[in-house]
Amino acid sequence: MQVQILLQAGLPAVTVARLGSLAENFGVDTLWASSFPGHRDPFLSLSILARDSQRMRLGVVPISPFEMHPMRISDALLTLNEMCGGRASLLVGGLGRSVMRVTGLEPTRRVTAVSECVEILKSAARGDLVEYTGDIYRLLGYQASWTADALPSIYVGATGPSMLKMAGRVADGVMMSDVPLSRMPEVLGNARLGIEGAERDESDFRFNNFFAWHIKPDRKESIAEARRELVWRGILQKWHTSPFLGEADSEFVESNWGAFLQAFLQQTEVIEGIPEHIVEALVANLTFSGGLDAIDGVIEHLKSFEAAGLDEITLKVHGDADEAIRIIGERLVPELN
């Protein structure tokens, strides 16, 4: 299993370059820069690292065709890919809540929009003369003749069946978000339906799951951080939580999402109105948290993910990124690679 790292959004390019160099030295497969409203541009944030790194892939996550036209996404992605010698990756998504909240955008026909975007990007990356007329997007007479020989990797962000099947048809891989182990047969099965329908070779497709990493030397600090960040774990949807919470508690969590958002906004580990047993179950099942003694359990958990068919794990680091990367590099990467 390949270990990848997702940095917090908005870090300066010099910081990204320093952290990326550290991650590359530990054998991390990909370093992802986050795209988030009101933060530094992720493509530009990777520019110094693109010049200075040698092996590690560099990715941006997520970009939606509802916030940025596929033409502009192509220009940015192919520029990054040229700068890093063909090691760029991109996650295309259907538009996250954070962007919807600040822009007022109301995406419709997400699966079609993401599919057309990926088709445009893959054609453009080959240097083709793009003459594309889809149901939503159009691109005529576009050609990036200067693009790097090595193609970028284009993932789709998906957990729902329709988006997963589409990803299997058109993308290089899929990155799921906070999907518990018990859901792996379902989600991988949906993606495989798309792969088989397109008569593709599954060995050319990458299955990736995004998970929050909070492991720290101080267990108390780790758990507090995980609790503050719970609001983003699968957006606490019933589909994510019902396998371990049950129907009643998962419905309660989904209907009280605002309490978790307030905890995040106020940066407190106290989640008002939510029973403690529910919070503890969410932390235990949707995050990697605890002291350093928890790492052996995390490794076994990830090996179970691998046995279920997962190729890659993307770990979102929080707080002290240097410390997190060192722990992941020293303890996780050797065991999983």
Protein backbone atom coordinates (compact mmCIF):
# COMPACT_ATOMS: atom_id res chain seq x y z
CA MET A 1 0.00 0.00 0.00
CA GLN A 2 1.28 3.46 -0.94
CA VAL A 3 1.20 6.11 1.79
CA GLN A 4 0.23 9.63 0.75
CA ILE A 5 -0.02 12.81 2.80
CA LEU A 6 -2.48 15.69 2.55
CA LEU A 7 -1.33 18.97 4.08
CA GLN A 8 -3.52 21.53 5.73
CA ALA A 9 -4.85 24.13 3.31
CA GLY A 10 -3.15 27.45 2.71
CA LEU A 11 0.46 26.76 3.67
CA PRO A 12 3.07 29.04 2.02
CA ALA A 13 5.00 27.55 -0.89
CA VAL A 14 8.25 27.56 1.08
CA THR A 15 6.61 25.59 3.89
CA VAL A 16 5.10 23.12 1.43
CA ALA A 17 8.55 22.67 -0.13
CA ARG A 18 10.18 21.98 3.23
CA LEU A 19 7.48 19.53 4.34
CA GLY A 20 7.47 17.90 0.91
CA SER A 21 11.21 17.35 1.02
CA LEU A 22 10.83 15.71 4.42
CA ALA A 23 8.02 13.47 3.14
CA GLU A 24 9.96 12.51 0.01
CA ASN A 25 12.98 11.50 2.07
CA PHE A 26 10.73 9.12 4.02
CA GLY A 27 9.41 7.48 0.85
CA VAL A 28 5.95 9.05 0.83
CA ASP A 29 4.29 8.36 -2.53
CA THR A 30 2.31 11.60 -3.03
CA LEU A 31 2.02 14.96 -1.30
CA TRP A 32 -1.38 16.61 -1.76
CA ALA A 33 -2.07 20.34 -1.37
CA SER A 34 -5.60 21.28 -0.28
CA SER A 35 -7.86 23.63 -2.22
CA PHE A 36 -10.00 25.62 0.20
CA PRO A 37 -11.76 29.01 -0.08
CA GLY A 38 -9.78 31.99 1.14
CA HIS A 39 -6.48 30.10 1.23
CA ARG A 40 -3.35 30.15 -0.94
CA ASP A 41 -3.72 28.61 -4.38
CA PRO A 42 -2.71 24.92 -4.18
CA PHE A 43 -1.12 24.76 -7.64
CA LEU A 44 1.14 27.72 -6.89
CA SER A 45 1.84 26.40 -3.39
CA LEU A 46 3.44 23.31 -5.00
CA SER A 47 5.62 25.31 -7.38
CA ILE A 48 8.86 25.31 -5.36
CA LEU A 49 8.47 21.64 -4.44
CA ALA A 50 7.81 20.83 -8.12
CA ARG A 51 11.23 22.25 -8.94
CA ASP A 52 13.12 20.73 -6.00
CA SER A 53 11.61 17.25 -5.63
CA GLN A 54 12.75 14.21 -7.60
CA ARG A 55 10.43 11.22 -7.15
CA MET A 56 7.31 12.00 -5.16
CA ARG A 57 4.07 12.81 -6.94
CA LEU A 58 2.49 16.23 -6.27
CA GLY A 59 -1.27 16.58 -6.17
CA VAL A 60 -4.09 19.09 -5.72
CA VAL A 61 -7.32 18.12 -3.96
CA PRO A 62 -10.13 18.85 -4.70
CA ILE A 63 -10.93 20.96 -7.75
CA SER A 64 -14.47 21.08 -9.13
CA PRO A 65 -15.56 22.02 -12.66
CA PHE A 66 -18.36 24.03 -11.03
CA GLU A 67 -15.81 26.42 -9.50
CA MET A 68 -13.26 26.36 -12.33
CA HIS A 69 -13.87 25.63 -16.00
CA PRO A 70 -12.15 22.45 -17.27
CA MET A 71 -10.06 24.59 -19.61
CA ARG A 72 -8.56 26.51 -16.70
CA ILE A 73 -8.14 23.32 -14.69
CA SER A 74 -6.24 21.86 -17.64
CA ASP A 75 -3.96 24.88 -17.93
CA ALA A 76 -3.10 24.72 -14.21
CA LEU A 77 -2.69 20.95 -14.04
CA LEU A 78 -0.52 20.69 -17.14
CA THR A 79 1.66 23.58 -15.98
CA LEU A 80 2.25 21.83 -12.65
CA ASN A 81 2.89 18.56 -14.47
CA GLU A 82 5.49 20.24 -16.68
CA MET A 83 7.19 21.84 -13.67
CA CYS A 84 7.56 18.55 -11.80
CA GLY A 85 8.51 16.42 -14.82
CA GLY A 86 5.28 14.49 -15.20
CA ARG A 87 4.56 13.74 -11.52
CA ALA A 88 1.36 15.74 -11.04
CA SER A 89 -1.93 14.39 -9.72
CA LEU A 90 -5.35 15.95 -9.43
CA LEU A 91 -8.55 15.06 -7.62
CA VAL A 92 -11.70 16.25 -9.42
CA GLY A 93 -14.75 16.56 -7.19
CA GLY A 94 -18.38 17.51 -7.52
CA LEU A 95 -18.05 20.62 -5.29
CA GLY A 96 -17.60 20.57 -1.54
CA ARG A 97 -19.70 22.26 1.12
CA SER A 98 -17.03 24.86 1.87
CA VAL A 99 -17.07 26.23 -1.69
CA MET A 100 -20.87 26.02 -1.88
CA ARG A 101 -21.14 27.99 1.37
CA VAL A 102 -18.99 30.93 0.25
CA THR A 103 -20.03 31.07 -3.42
CA GLY A 104 -23.70 30.15 -3.29
CA LEU A 105 -23.13 27.72 -6.17
CA GLU A 106 -25.75 24.97 -6.46
CA PRO A 107 -24.25 22.16 -8.55
CA THR A 108 -26.55 19.97 -10.60
CA ARG A 109 -25.77 16.83 -12.59
CA ARG A 110 -22.53 16.39 -10.70
CA VAL A 111 -21.67 13.00 -12.17
CA THR A 112 -22.02 14.29 -15.73
CA ALA A 113 -20.02 17.44 -14.95
CA VAL A 114 -17.14 15.54 -13.33
CA SER A 115 -17.12 12.93 -16.09
CA GLU A 116 -16.90 15.56 -18.83
CA CYS A 117 -14.17 17.40 -16.93
CA VAL A 118 -12.06 14.25 -16.61
CA GLU A 119 -12.55 13.40 -20.29
CA ILE A 120 -11.40 16.89 -21.29
CA LEU A 121 -8.38 16.78 -18.96
CA LYS A 122 -7.21 13.39 -20.18
CA SER A 123 -7.51 14.40 -23.82
CA ALA A 124 -5.70 17.69 -23.19
CA ALA A 125 -2.92 15.95 -21.25
CA ARG A 126 -2.11 13.84 -24.31
CA GLY A 127 -1.56 17.01 -26.31
CA ASP A 128 -4.57 16.29 -28.50
CA LEU A 129 -6.46 18.97 -30.37
CA VAL A 130 -9.54 19.02 -28.17
CA GLU A 131 -12.87 19.34 -29.97
CA TYR A 132 -15.30 18.51 -27.19
CA THR A 133 -19.01 19.20 -26.96
CA GLY A 134 -20.64 17.63 -23.93
CA ASP A 135 -23.97 18.08 -22.20
CA ILE A 136 -22.47 20.70 -19.85
CA TYR A 137 -18.99 21.70 -21.07
CA ARG A 138 -17.61 22.67 -24.45
CA LEU A 139 -14.01 23.11 -25.50
CA LEU A 140 -13.16 23.69 -29.15
CA GLY A 141 -9.80 24.26 -30.79
CA TYR A 142 -7.88 23.78 -27.53
CA GLN A 143 -4.43 22.21 -27.64
CA ALA A 144 -1.63 22.17 -25.07
CA SER A 145 1.13 21.13 -27.45
CA TRP A 146 3.75 21.90 -24.80
CA THR A 147 2.46 19.34 -22.27
CA ALA A 148 4.94 16.95 -20.59
CA ASP A 149 5.38 13.46 -22.05
CA ALA A 150 4.44 11.77 -18.79
CA LEU A 151 0.71 12.08 -18.12
CA PRO A 152 -0.70 13.43 -14.86
CA SER A 153 -2.84 11.12 -12.72
CA ILE A 154 -6.47 12.18 -12.54
CA TYR A 155 -8.60 10.91 -9.67
CA VAL A 156 -12.29 11.38 -8.98
CA GLY A 157 -13.50 12.07 -5.46
CA ALA A 158 -16.37 9.65 -4.87
CA THR A 159 -18.25 7.53 -2.35
CA GLY A 160 -21.70 7.30 -3.97
CA PRO A 161 -22.46 4.49 -6.46
CA SER A 162 -23.03 6.64 -9.56
CA MET A 163 -19.85 8.69 -9.10
CA LEU A 164 -17.84 5.54 -8.33
CA LYS A 165 -19.04 3.76 -11.46
CA MET A 166 -18.26 6.83 -13.56
CA ALA A 167 -14.78 7.08 -12.01
CA GLY A 168 -14.16 3.46 -12.95
CA ARG A 169 -15.04 4.28 -16.56
CA VAL A 170 -13.01 7.44 -17.13
CA ALA A 171 -10.49 8.24 -14.35
CA ASP A 172 -7.07 6.92 -13.33
CA GLY A 173 -8.26 6.29 -9.81
CA VAL A 174 -10.78 7.15 -7.14
CA MET A 175 -10.22 8.79 -3.77
CA MET A 176 -12.92 7.99 -1.26
CA SER A 177 -13.37 10.01 1.91
CA ASP A 178 -13.45 8.53 5.43
CA VAL A 179 -14.91 5.24 4.22
CA PRO A 180 -14.89 2.63 7.03
CA LEU A 181 -13.49 -0.82 6.37
CA SER A 182 -16.91 -2.46 6.45
CA ARG A 183 -17.98 -0.39 3.42
CA MET A 184 -15.01 -1.39 1.24
CA PRO A 185 -16.72 -4.26 -0.64
CA GLU A 186 -19.60 -1.93 -1.56
CA VAL A 187 -17.57 1.03 -2.79
CA LEU A 188 -14.88 -0.96 -4.57
CA GLY A 189 -17.58 -3.08 -6.16
CA ASN A 190 -19.28 -0.02 -7.62
CA ALA A 191 -16.01 1.30 -9.07
CA ARG A 192 -15.25 -2.11 -10.52
CA LEU A 193 -18.59 -2.12 -12.32
CA GLY A 194 -17.43 0.99 -14.17
CA ILE A 195 -14.02 -0.50 -14.89
CA GLU A 196 -15.53 -3.69 -16.27
CA GLY A 197 -18.15 -1.81 -18.28
CA ALA A 198 -15.41 0.20 -19.98
CA GLU A 199 -13.38 -3.00 -20.54
CA ARG A 200 -10.43 -1.53 -18.69
CA ASP A 201 -7.60 -3.32 -16.90
CA GLU A 202 -8.14 -2.91 -13.15
CA SER A 203 -4.38 -2.97 -12.55
CA ASP A 204 -4.22 0.47 -14.20
CA PHE A 205 -6.75 1.90 -11.71
CA ARG A 206 -5.93 3.13 -8.20
CA PHE A 207 -8.22 2.75 -5.17
CA ASN A 208 -7.49 5.42 -2.54
CA ASN A 209 -9.13 6.28 0.78
CA PHE A 210 -8.71 9.56 2.63
CA PHE A 211 -8.41 9.35 6.44
CA ALA A 212 -7.63 11.83 9.19
CA TRP A 213 -4.30 11.35 10.99
CA HIS A 214 -4.14 12.62 14.58
CA ILE A 215 -1.55 10.27 16.14
CA LYS A 216 0.73 12.21 18.53
CA PRO A 217 3.13 11.49 21.39
CA ASP A 218 0.50 13.07 23.68
CA ARG A 219 -2.65 10.94 23.49
CA LYS A 220 -4.83 13.58 25.17
CA GLU A 221 -3.80 16.19 22.61
CA SER A 222 -4.49 13.74 19.78
CA ILE A 223 -8.03 12.92 20.93
CA ALA A 224 -8.86 16.59 21.50
CA GLU A 225 -7.74 17.45 17.96
CA ALA A 226 -9.72 14.56 16.49
CA ARG A 227 -12.88 15.69 18.31
CA ARG A 228 -12.51 19.26 17.02
CA GLU A 229 -12.22 18.01 13.43
CA LEU A 230 -15.05 15.44 13.49
CA VAL A 231 -17.42 17.65 11.50
CA TRP A 232 -15.47 16.90 8.30
CA ARG A 233 -15.40 13.10 8.68
CA GLY A 234 -17.60 11.99 5.83
CA ILE A 235 -19.64 15.12 6.70
CA LEU A 236 -21.01 12.72 9.39
CA GLN A 237 -23.51 11.25 6.96
CA LYS A 238 -25.53 8.24 8.05
CA TRP A 239 -23.97 6.09 5.32
CA HIS A 240 -20.55 6.56 6.94
CA THR A 241 -21.58 6.15 10.56
CA SER A 242 -24.39 3.57 10.65
CA PRO A 243 -22.07 0.52 10.37
CA PHE A 244 -20.70 1.24 13.85
CA LEU A 245 -23.29 3.57 15.42
CA GLY A 246 -26.49 1.85 14.35
CA GLU A 247 -29.54 3.44 12.78
CA ALA A 248 -30.81 5.61 15.65
CA ASP A 249 -27.48 7.14 16.68
CA SER A 250 -26.38 7.71 13.07
CA GLU A 251 -29.62 9.57 12.34
CA PHE A 252 -29.10 11.62 15.51
CA VAL A 253 -25.56 12.57 14.42
CA GLU A 254 -26.64 13.56 10.92
CA SER A 255 -29.47 15.76 12.23
CA ASN A 256 -27.13 17.44 14.73
CA TRP A 257 -24.29 18.19 12.33
CA GLY A 258 -24.37 21.83 13.43
CA ALA A 259 -23.11 20.93 16.91
CA PHE A 260 -19.96 19.43 15.39
CA LEU A 261 -19.52 22.48 13.16
CA GLN A 262 -19.70 24.78 16.18
CA ALA A 263 -17.04 22.73 17.96
CA PHE A 264 -14.78 23.14 14.93
CA LEU A 265 -15.43 26.87 14.56
CA GLN A 266 -14.82 27.45 18.28
CA GLN A 267 -11.87 25.03 18.27
CA THR A 268 -13.13 23.14 21.29
CA GLU A 269 -13.24 19.42 21.97
CA VAL A 270 -16.58 19.84 23.73
CA ILE A 271 -19.43 18.97 21.35
CA GLU A 272 -22.57 20.34 22.93
CA GLY A 273 -25.58 18.03 23.10
CA ILE A 274 -23.82 14.95 21.73
CA PRO A 275 -23.57 11.94 24.10
CA GLU A 276 -20.02 10.98 24.93
CA HIS A 277 -20.34 7.39 23.72
CA ILE A 278 -21.23 8.68 20.25
CA VAL A 279 -18.27 11.06 20.09
CA GLU A 280 -15.89 8.33 21.22
CA ALA A 281 -17.24 5.92 18.59
CA LEU A 282 -16.84 8.51 15.83
CA VAL A 283 -13.23 9.20 16.83
CA ALA A 284 -12.43 5.47 17.05
CA ASN A 285 -13.96 4.56 13.68
CA LEU A 286 -13.46 7.60 11.44
CA THR A 287 -9.97 8.76 12.48
CA PHE A 288 -6.52 7.46 13.30
CA SER A 289 -6.04 8.87 16.80
CA GLY A 290 -4.22 8.20 20.04
CA GLY A 291 -0.68 8.05 21.34
CA LEU A 292 2.28 6.39 19.67
CA ASP A 293 1.22 3.07 21.15
CA ALA A 294 -1.79 3.15 18.80
CA ILE A 295 0.35 2.89 15.66
CA ASP A 296 0.60 -0.91 15.61
CA GLY A 297 -3.20 -1.06 15.58
CA VAL A 298 -3.33 1.48 12.75
CA ILE A 299 -0.88 -0.59 10.71
CA GLU A 300 -3.03 -3.69 11.12
CA HIS A 301 -6.12 -1.67 10.20
CA LEU A 302 -4.44 -0.42 7.03
CA LYS A 303 -3.32 -3.93 6.11
CA SER A 304 -6.97 -4.95 6.38
CA PHE A 305 -7.84 -2.09 4.00
CA GLU A 306 -5.16 -3.38 1.63
CA ALA A 307 -6.52 -6.93 1.83
CA ALA A 308 -9.95 -5.52 0.93
CA GLY A 309 -8.49 -4.01 -2.27
CA LEU A 310 -7.21 -0.55 -1.32
CA ASP A 311 -4.01 0.52 -3.12
CA GLU A 312 -3.33 3.86 -1.43
CA ILE A 313 -4.09 5.68 1.80
CA THR A 314 -4.08 9.47 1.97
CA LEU A 315 -3.50 10.75 5.50
CA LYS A 316 -4.58 14.30 6.34
CA VAL A 317 -2.12 15.69 8.87
CA HIS A 318 -3.09 18.30 11.45
CA GLY A 319 -1.23 20.51 13.89
CA ASP A 320 2.54 19.99 13.83
CA ALA A 321 3.01 18.71 10.28
CA ASP A 322 6.75 18.07 10.73
CA GLU A 323 6.05 15.78 13.67
CA ALA A 324 3.21 14.00 11.87
CA ILE A 325 5.29 13.37 8.74
CA ARG A 326 8.18 12.02 10.81
CA ILE A 327 5.91 9.61 12.68
CA ILE A 328 4.27 8.44 9.45
CA GLY A 329 7.62 8.17 7.67
CA GLU A 330 9.41 6.31 10.45
CA ARG A 331 6.62 4.02 11.64
CA LEU A 332 4.05 3.59 8.85
CA VAL A 333 5.81 3.77 5.49
CA PRO A 334 8.34 0.96 6.15
CA GLU A 335 5.60 -1.39 7.34
CA LEU A 336 3.21 -0.74 4.45
CA ASN A 337 5.66 -0.40 1.57
